Amino acid sequence: MSENLRRGLFRLKFQALGTVCEIQFRAASVEVAKEFRKATLGWLREYEAKWSRFKPDSLLCQINAKAGVSPVEITEEDEEILRLCDHAYRISDGLHDPTSFPLTALWDQAEKKGRFPSDLDISKTKKLVSWPLVEWGKGKISLPMPGMALEIGGFGKEYAVDRLVEFARQFRIDDCLVDLGRDISAIGTPPHGPAWVLGVEDARMKDAASFRLAVSGKGLATSGNERRYRLIGGKKFGHIIDPRSGWPATTEVITASCLADDCLTAGLFSTSACILGMTDGMKVIEQTIGLEAILQGSEQTLFSSRIHHSMLGS
């Protein structure tokens, strides 16, 4: 942990959830700052240990290994994550299906083999994708069919951002910015200014900001296929899968940046916009109270009707 006394900010920089993370905050004392650091990093370690699909002994991997075999015991805290899975599925009308990992794995294998999956393989795999079939509650979870698998990557990082902001409030830290791999939430204000200033990355130029937003009490998330993609048969396919078709999303949206009351909501709708496309994605955003967005497409950039209240200019 480093302390920038001139600006009055404490800064934490670390690696977690497979990405570079940073927290900036103002605390009443060094002791409070140290306790906040201990609580946040400790929670993140436990969270990743339980819910990472890259850790073979995680609870998530245990649940997937028992698919079609037997239930797995879970705690009340674990059920909070499953309630988030249910929330993500319902608020997105099924576009965020927590059981869609088999499709992700299918396309990962397609990239390794250098050829597209067959229509039959896609059809078979789609049958494994159905969150409503998952049985959970009363201390247990069961995936009913062999081959089913959970994955919380669609909202896991955004949820963690919101939890760390909650920790800040518990420690009476009023001014804080949490950035977990560019999923961000900010409360209060920085030392010199009325709001935190966040850049929205240019869809075509890496590390260049096209727009600036003044943010306080909001979460910002950006989804897109330009940076993360699969190369199959000489053609680029984005990492976001449309569970309806079983194919990678191929809309004109390059990146979707959403601003909401929490980072989780921002992330869910930014990913949905990438699947729905510019017109339908923006239509859903405009119909959702408290949500703002910038959609950068191959031919145009769309702004929600309320986003200009937060924009500082390009």
Protein backbone atom coordinates (compact mmCIF):
# COMPACT_ATOMS: atom_id res chain seq x y z
CA MET A 1 0.00 0.00 0.00
CA SER A 2 1.35 3.40 -0.93
CA GLU A 3 0.23 6.73 0.50
CA ASN A 4 0.15 9.90 -1.58
CA LEU A 5 0.05 12.61 1.08
CA ARG A 6 0.13 15.46 -1.40
CA ARG A 7 -3.15 14.38 -2.94
CA GLY A 8 -4.53 12.99 0.30
CA LEU A 9 -5.12 9.54 -1.20
CA PHE A 10 -4.18 6.04 -0.17
CA ARG A 11 -3.59 3.70 -3.12
CA LEU A 12 -3.70 -0.09 -3.27
CA LYS A 13 -2.34 -1.78 -6.39
CA PHE A 14 -2.52 -5.54 -6.71
CA GLN A 15 -3.36 -8.53 -8.90
CA ALA A 16 -6.65 -10.37 -8.38
CA LEU A 17 -9.34 -12.11 -10.42
CA GLY A 18 -6.88 -12.44 -13.29
CA THR A 19 -6.40 -8.70 -13.77
CA VAL A 20 -4.67 -5.55 -12.54
CA CYS A 21 -6.56 -3.83 -9.72
CA GLU A 22 -6.37 -0.49 -7.95
CA ILE A 23 -8.23 1.15 -5.09
CA GLN A 24 -7.90 4.85 -4.30
CA PHE A 25 -9.41 6.16 -1.08
CA ARG A 26 -9.23 8.68 1.71
CA ALA A 27 -9.20 7.32 5.26
CA ALA A 28 -9.25 8.96 8.68
CA SER A 29 -5.89 7.43 9.61
CA VAL A 30 -3.18 5.03 8.49
CA GLU A 31 -4.60 2.45 10.90
CA VAL A 32 -8.03 2.61 9.23
CA ALA A 33 -6.38 2.35 5.84
CA LYS A 34 -4.48 -0.78 6.92
CA GLU A 35 -7.61 -2.42 8.31
CA PHE A 36 -9.52 -1.63 5.11
CA ARG A 37 -6.68 -3.12 3.06
CA LYS A 38 -6.67 -6.29 5.18
CA ALA A 39 -10.45 -6.73 4.91
CA THR A 40 -10.70 -6.13 1.16
CA LEU A 41 -7.74 -8.27 0.11
CA GLY A 42 -8.79 -11.04 2.48
CA TRP A 43 -12.31 -11.11 1.06
CA LEU A 44 -10.99 -11.12 -2.51
CA ARG A 45 -8.72 -14.10 -1.79
CA GLU A 46 -11.60 -16.11 -0.33
CA TYR A 47 -13.96 -15.09 -3.12
CA GLU A 48 -11.51 -16.13 -5.84
CA ALA A 49 -10.68 -19.38 -4.06
CA LYS A 50 -14.36 -20.35 -4.06
CA TRP A 51 -15.61 -19.08 -7.39
CA SER A 52 -12.73 -19.22 -9.88
CA ARG A 53 -13.05 -21.83 -12.60
CA PHE A 54 -9.26 -21.73 -12.91
CA LYS A 55 -8.75 -23.20 -9.42
CA PRO A 56 -9.43 -26.98 -9.53
CA ASP A 57 -10.28 -27.15 -5.81
CA SER A 58 -12.73 -24.22 -5.89
CA LEU A 59 -16.36 -24.67 -4.91
CA LEU A 60 -17.34 -23.78 -8.48
CA CYS A 61 -15.22 -26.59 -9.92
CA GLN A 62 -16.65 -29.02 -7.35
CA ILE A 63 -20.18 -28.09 -8.37
CA ASN A 64 -19.34 -28.59 -12.06
CA ALA A 65 -17.58 -31.91 -11.40
CA LYS A 66 -20.72 -33.24 -9.70
CA ALA A 67 -23.05 -32.24 -12.56
CA GLY A 68 -25.54 -35.05 -13.17
CA VAL A 69 -24.09 -37.02 -10.25
CA SER A 70 -24.98 -35.53 -6.86
CA PRO A 71 -25.72 -32.27 -5.06
CA VAL A 72 -22.99 -30.18 -3.45
CA GLU A 73 -23.37 -28.61 -0.03
CA ILE A 74 -23.19 -24.82 0.11
CA THR A 75 -23.38 -22.12 2.78
CA GLU A 76 -25.78 -19.20 3.09
CA GLU A 77 -23.00 -16.94 1.82
CA ASP A 78 -22.61 -19.16 -1.24
CA GLU A 79 -26.33 -18.85 -1.91
CA GLU A 80 -25.84 -15.10 -2.30
CA ILE A 81 -23.82 -15.80 -5.45
CA LEU A 82 -26.55 -18.10 -6.74
CA ARG A 83 -29.13 -15.40 -6.13
CA LEU A 84 -26.95 -13.14 -8.27
CA CYS A 85 -26.93 -15.82 -10.96
CA ASP A 86 -30.71 -15.85 -10.88
CA HIS A 87 -30.84 -12.03 -10.94
CA ALA A 88 -28.46 -11.87 -13.92
CA TYR A 89 -30.53 -14.40 -15.85
CA ARG A 90 -33.84 -12.68 -15.20
CA ILE A 91 -32.80 -9.05 -15.67
CA SER A 92 -31.20 -9.93 -19.02
CA ASP A 93 -34.07 -12.11 -20.28
CA GLY A 94 -31.70 -15.07 -20.44
CA LEU A 95 -28.83 -13.35 -22.26
CA HIS A 96 -26.72 -13.87 -19.13
CA ASP A 97 -27.10 -17.57 -18.46
CA PRO A 98 -24.74 -18.72 -15.68
CA THR A 99 -24.79 -22.24 -17.18
CA SER A 100 -23.46 -21.09 -20.57
CA PHE A 101 -19.89 -22.21 -19.87
CA PRO A 102 -20.22 -25.36 -22.02
CA LEU A 103 -20.66 -23.06 -25.04
CA THR A 104 -17.59 -21.07 -24.03
CA ALA A 105 -15.59 -24.29 -23.72
CA LEU A 106 -16.88 -25.49 -27.11
CA TRP A 107 -15.64 -22.35 -28.85
CA ASP A 108 -12.35 -22.42 -26.96
CA GLN A 109 -11.79 -25.91 -28.32
CA ALA A 110 -12.78 -24.73 -31.79
CA GLU A 111 -10.03 -22.12 -31.65
CA LYS A 112 -7.45 -24.72 -30.58
CA LYS A 113 -8.50 -27.06 -33.38
CA GLY A 114 -8.69 -24.26 -35.92
CA ARG A 115 -12.15 -25.19 -37.19
CA PHE A 116 -15.73 -24.28 -36.40
CA PRO A 117 -17.88 -26.55 -34.25
CA SER A 118 -20.51 -28.44 -36.16
CA ASP A 119 -24.18 -27.50 -36.02
CA LEU A 120 -24.77 -30.78 -34.19
CA ASP A 121 -22.14 -29.97 -31.56
CA ILE A 122 -23.65 -26.53 -31.01
CA SER A 123 -27.15 -27.99 -30.78
CA LYS A 124 -26.06 -30.61 -28.24
CA THR A 125 -24.16 -28.08 -26.17
CA LYS A 126 -27.07 -25.62 -26.10
CA LYS A 127 -29.14 -28.30 -24.36
CA LEU A 128 -26.74 -28.05 -21.43
CA VAL A 129 -27.42 -24.33 -21.07
CA SER A 130 -30.44 -23.67 -18.89
CA TRP A 131 -30.21 -21.84 -15.59
CA PRO A 132 -33.88 -22.57 -14.70
CA LEU A 133 -33.00 -26.29 -14.54
CA VAL A 134 -30.45 -25.75 -11.77
CA GLU A 135 -31.73 -26.92 -8.38
CA TRP A 136 -30.48 -24.87 -5.45
CA GLY A 137 -31.48 -23.81 -1.97
CA LYS A 138 -31.61 -25.22 1.56
CA GLY A 139 -27.84 -25.62 1.64
CA LYS A 140 -27.40 -27.54 -1.62
CA ILE A 141 -26.97 -27.04 -5.36
CA SER A 142 -27.35 -29.61 -8.10
CA LEU A 143 -26.70 -29.42 -11.85
CA PRO A 144 -29.10 -32.05 -13.21
CA MET A 145 -27.27 -33.10 -16.40
CA PRO A 146 -23.71 -34.38 -16.92
CA GLY A 147 -21.73 -31.76 -18.82
CA MET A 148 -23.55 -28.78 -17.31
CA ALA A 149 -21.29 -26.16 -15.77
CA LEU A 150 -21.60 -22.87 -13.93
CA GLU A 151 -19.54 -19.77 -14.71
CA ILE A 152 -19.84 -16.40 -12.98
CA GLY A 153 -17.37 -14.58 -15.23
CA GLY A 154 -20.22 -12.61 -16.74
CA PHE A 155 -20.74 -10.66 -13.53
CA GLY A 156 -18.19 -11.89 -10.97
CA LYS A 157 -15.73 -9.01 -11.25
CA GLU A 158 -18.46 -6.36 -11.24
CA TYR A 159 -20.00 -7.92 -8.12
CA ALA A 160 -16.59 -7.83 -6.43
CA VAL A 161 -16.28 -4.11 -7.23
CA ASP A 162 -19.58 -3.43 -5.48
CA ARG A 163 -18.59 -5.51 -2.46
CA LEU A 164 -15.35 -3.57 -2.02
CA VAL A 165 -17.31 -0.32 -2.10
CA GLU A 166 -19.48 -1.77 0.66
CA PHE A 167 -16.33 -2.47 2.68
CA ALA A 168 -15.28 1.16 2.23
CA ARG A 169 -18.59 2.35 3.67
CA GLN A 170 -18.26 -0.05 6.60
CA PHE A 171 -14.91 1.55 7.43
CA ARG A 172 -16.47 5.03 7.16
CA ILE A 173 -14.50 5.74 4.02
CA ASP A 174 -16.65 8.21 2.10
CA ASP A 175 -14.31 8.88 -0.83
CA CYS A 176 -13.21 5.79 -2.75
CA LEU A 177 -12.64 4.52 -6.27
CA VAL A 178 -12.44 0.77 -6.93
CA ASP A 179 -11.01 -0.39 -10.26
CA LEU A 180 -10.85 -4.13 -10.91
CA GLY A 181 -9.61 -4.53 -14.46
CA ARG A 182 -11.53 -1.45 -15.62
CA ASP A 183 -14.76 -2.44 -13.95
CA ILE A 184 -15.13 0.59 -11.73
CA SER A 185 -17.24 2.11 -8.99
CA ALA A 186 -16.70 5.45 -7.25
CA ILE A 187 -18.22 7.12 -4.22
CA GLY A 188 -17.64 10.57 -2.79
CA THR A 189 -15.05 12.81 -4.38
CA PRO A 190 -11.29 12.93 -5.03
CA PRO A 191 -9.16 15.50 -3.16
CA HIS A 192 -9.35 18.12 -5.91
CA GLY A 193 -12.68 18.08 -7.72
CA PRO A 194 -16.41 17.50 -7.36
CA ALA A 195 -16.35 13.99 -8.87
CA TRP A 196 -14.02 11.23 -10.02
CA VAL A 197 -13.16 11.57 -13.71
CA LEU A 198 -13.21 8.29 -15.64
CA GLY A 199 -12.21 7.80 -19.25
CA VAL A 200 -14.20 5.69 -21.71
CA GLU A 201 -11.69 3.90 -23.89
CA ASP A 202 -11.71 4.47 -27.63
CA ALA A 203 -13.05 1.32 -29.28
CA ARG A 204 -10.38 1.40 -31.97
CA MET A 205 -7.35 2.80 -30.12
CA LYS A 206 -5.98 0.93 -27.12
CA ASP A 207 -5.28 3.05 -24.03
CA ALA A 208 -6.86 6.15 -25.58
CA ALA A 209 -9.94 7.74 -24.03
CA SER A 210 -12.67 8.98 -26.35
CA PHE A 211 -14.89 10.43 -23.63
CA ARG A 212 -14.62 11.51 -20.01
CA LEU A 213 -17.30 10.99 -17.38
CA ALA A 214 -17.71 12.69 -14.00
CA VAL A 215 -18.74 9.89 -11.64
CA SER A 216 -19.78 9.73 -8.00
CA GLY A 217 -22.03 7.09 -6.49
CA LYS A 218 -22.02 5.13 -9.75
CA GLY A 219 -20.50 2.07 -11.36
CA LEU A 220 -18.98 1.95 -14.85
CA ALA A 221 -18.41 -1.20 -16.90
CA THR A 222 -17.33 -1.73 -20.48
CA SER A 223 -17.85 -4.86 -22.55
CA GLY A 224 -16.69 -5.60 -26.05
CA ASN A 225 -15.16 -8.03 -28.50
CA GLU A 226 -12.33 -5.93 -29.88
CA ARG A 227 -9.73 -6.77 -27.21
CA ARG A 228 -10.74 -10.35 -26.38
CA TYR A 229 -11.49 -12.63 -29.29
CA ARG A 230 -10.95 -16.03 -30.85
CA LEU A 231 -9.25 -16.52 -34.20
CA ILE A 232 -10.77 -19.41 -36.15
CA GLY A 233 -10.15 -20.05 -39.82
CA GLY A 234 -8.51 -16.67 -40.18
CA LYS A 235 -11.59 -14.85 -38.86
CA LYS A 236 -11.96 -13.02 -35.55
CA PHE A 237 -14.84 -13.94 -33.25
CA GLY A 238 -15.47 -12.07 -30.01
CA HIS A 239 -15.37 -13.80 -26.65
CA ILE A 240 -19.02 -12.95 -25.83
CA ILE A 241 -21.34 -15.85 -26.68
CA ASP A 242 -25.00 -15.41 -27.56
CA PRO A 243 -26.70 -18.29 -25.68
CA ARG A 244 -29.70 -18.09 -28.01
CA SER A 245 -27.74 -19.11 -31.09
CA GLY A 246 -24.77 -20.78 -29.47
CA TRP A 247 -22.47 -18.62 -31.61
CA PRO A 248 -20.25 -15.68 -30.67
CA ALA A 249 -22.09 -12.36 -30.79
CA THR A 250 -21.48 -10.69 -34.16
CA THR A 251 -23.32 -7.39 -33.83
CA GLU A 252 -21.95 -4.04 -34.94
CA VAL A 253 -21.19 -3.06 -31.33
CA ILE A 254 -17.45 -2.86 -30.72
CA THR A 255 -17.67 -1.70 -27.12
CA ALA A 256 -20.56 -0.88 -24.80
CA SER A 257 -19.89 1.29 -21.74
CA CYS A 258 -22.67 1.53 -19.18
CA LEU A 259 -23.04 3.73 -16.11
CA ALA A 260 -25.42 2.58 -13.38
CA ASP A 261 -26.04 2.83 -9.65
CA ASP A 262 -23.82 -0.23 -9.19
CA CYS A 263 -21.12 -1.91 -11.23
CA LEU A 264 -23.02 -5.22 -11.43
CA THR A 265 -25.94 -3.63 -13.28
CA ALA A 266 -23.59 -1.69 -15.54
CA GLY A 267 -21.77 -4.88 -16.49
CA LEU A 268 -24.89 -6.91 -17.17
CA PHE A 269 -26.35 -4.32 -19.53
CA SER A 270 -23.06 -3.54 -21.29
CA THR A 271 -22.65 -7.21 -22.19
CA SER A 272 -26.31 -7.49 -23.22
CA ALA A 273 -25.85 -4.55 -25.59
CA CYS A 274 -22.98 -6.38 -27.30
CA ILE A 275 -25.33 -9.30 -27.94
CA LEU A 276 -28.41 -7.28 -28.92
CA GLY A 277 -26.68 -4.75 -31.17
CA MET A 278 -26.69 -0.97 -31.36
CA THR A 279 -30.41 -0.33 -31.87
CA ASP A 280 -31.93 -2.99 -29.63
CA GLY A 281 -29.20 -2.60 -27.03
CA MET A 282 -29.78 1.11 -26.70
CA LYS A 283 -33.55 0.58 -26.64
CA VAL A 284 -33.22 -1.65 -23.57
CA ILE A 285 -30.84 0.82 -21.92
CA GLU A 286 -33.22 3.76 -22.49
CA GLN A 287 -36.06 1.77 -20.94
CA THR A 288 -34.06 1.06 -17.77
CA ILE A 289 -34.23 3.66 -15.00
CA GLY A 290 -30.85 4.88 -13.75
CA LEU A 291 -28.86 3.45 -16.66
CA GLU A 292 -26.71 5.47 -19.06
CA ALA A 293 -24.51 4.26 -21.92
CA ILE A 294 -22.15 4.94 -24.78
CA LEU A 295 -22.22 2.33 -27.54
CA GLN A 296 -19.32 2.49 -29.98
CA GLY A 297 -20.03 0.68 -33.23
CA SER A 298 -18.31 0.02 -36.51
CA GLU A 299 -20.18 2.86 -38.22
CA GLN A 300 -21.47 5.13 -35.43
CA THR A 301 -21.47 5.94 -31.72
CA LEU A 302 -24.76 6.09 -29.83
CA PHE A 303 -25.35 7.97 -26.58
CA SER A 304 -28.20 7.40 -24.17
CA SER A 305 -30.38 10.43 -23.59
CA ARG A 306 -29.06 10.92 -20.04
CA ILE A 307 -25.34 10.27 -20.48
CA HIS A 308 -24.58 13.91 -21.37
CA HIS A 309 -25.25 14.89 -17.74
CA SER A 310 -22.11 12.95 -16.80
CA MET A 311 -19.91 13.76 -19.81
CA LEU A 312 -17.08 16.25 -19.55
CA GLY A 313 -16.31 16.24 -23.26
CA SER A 314 -13.98 14.32 -25.51
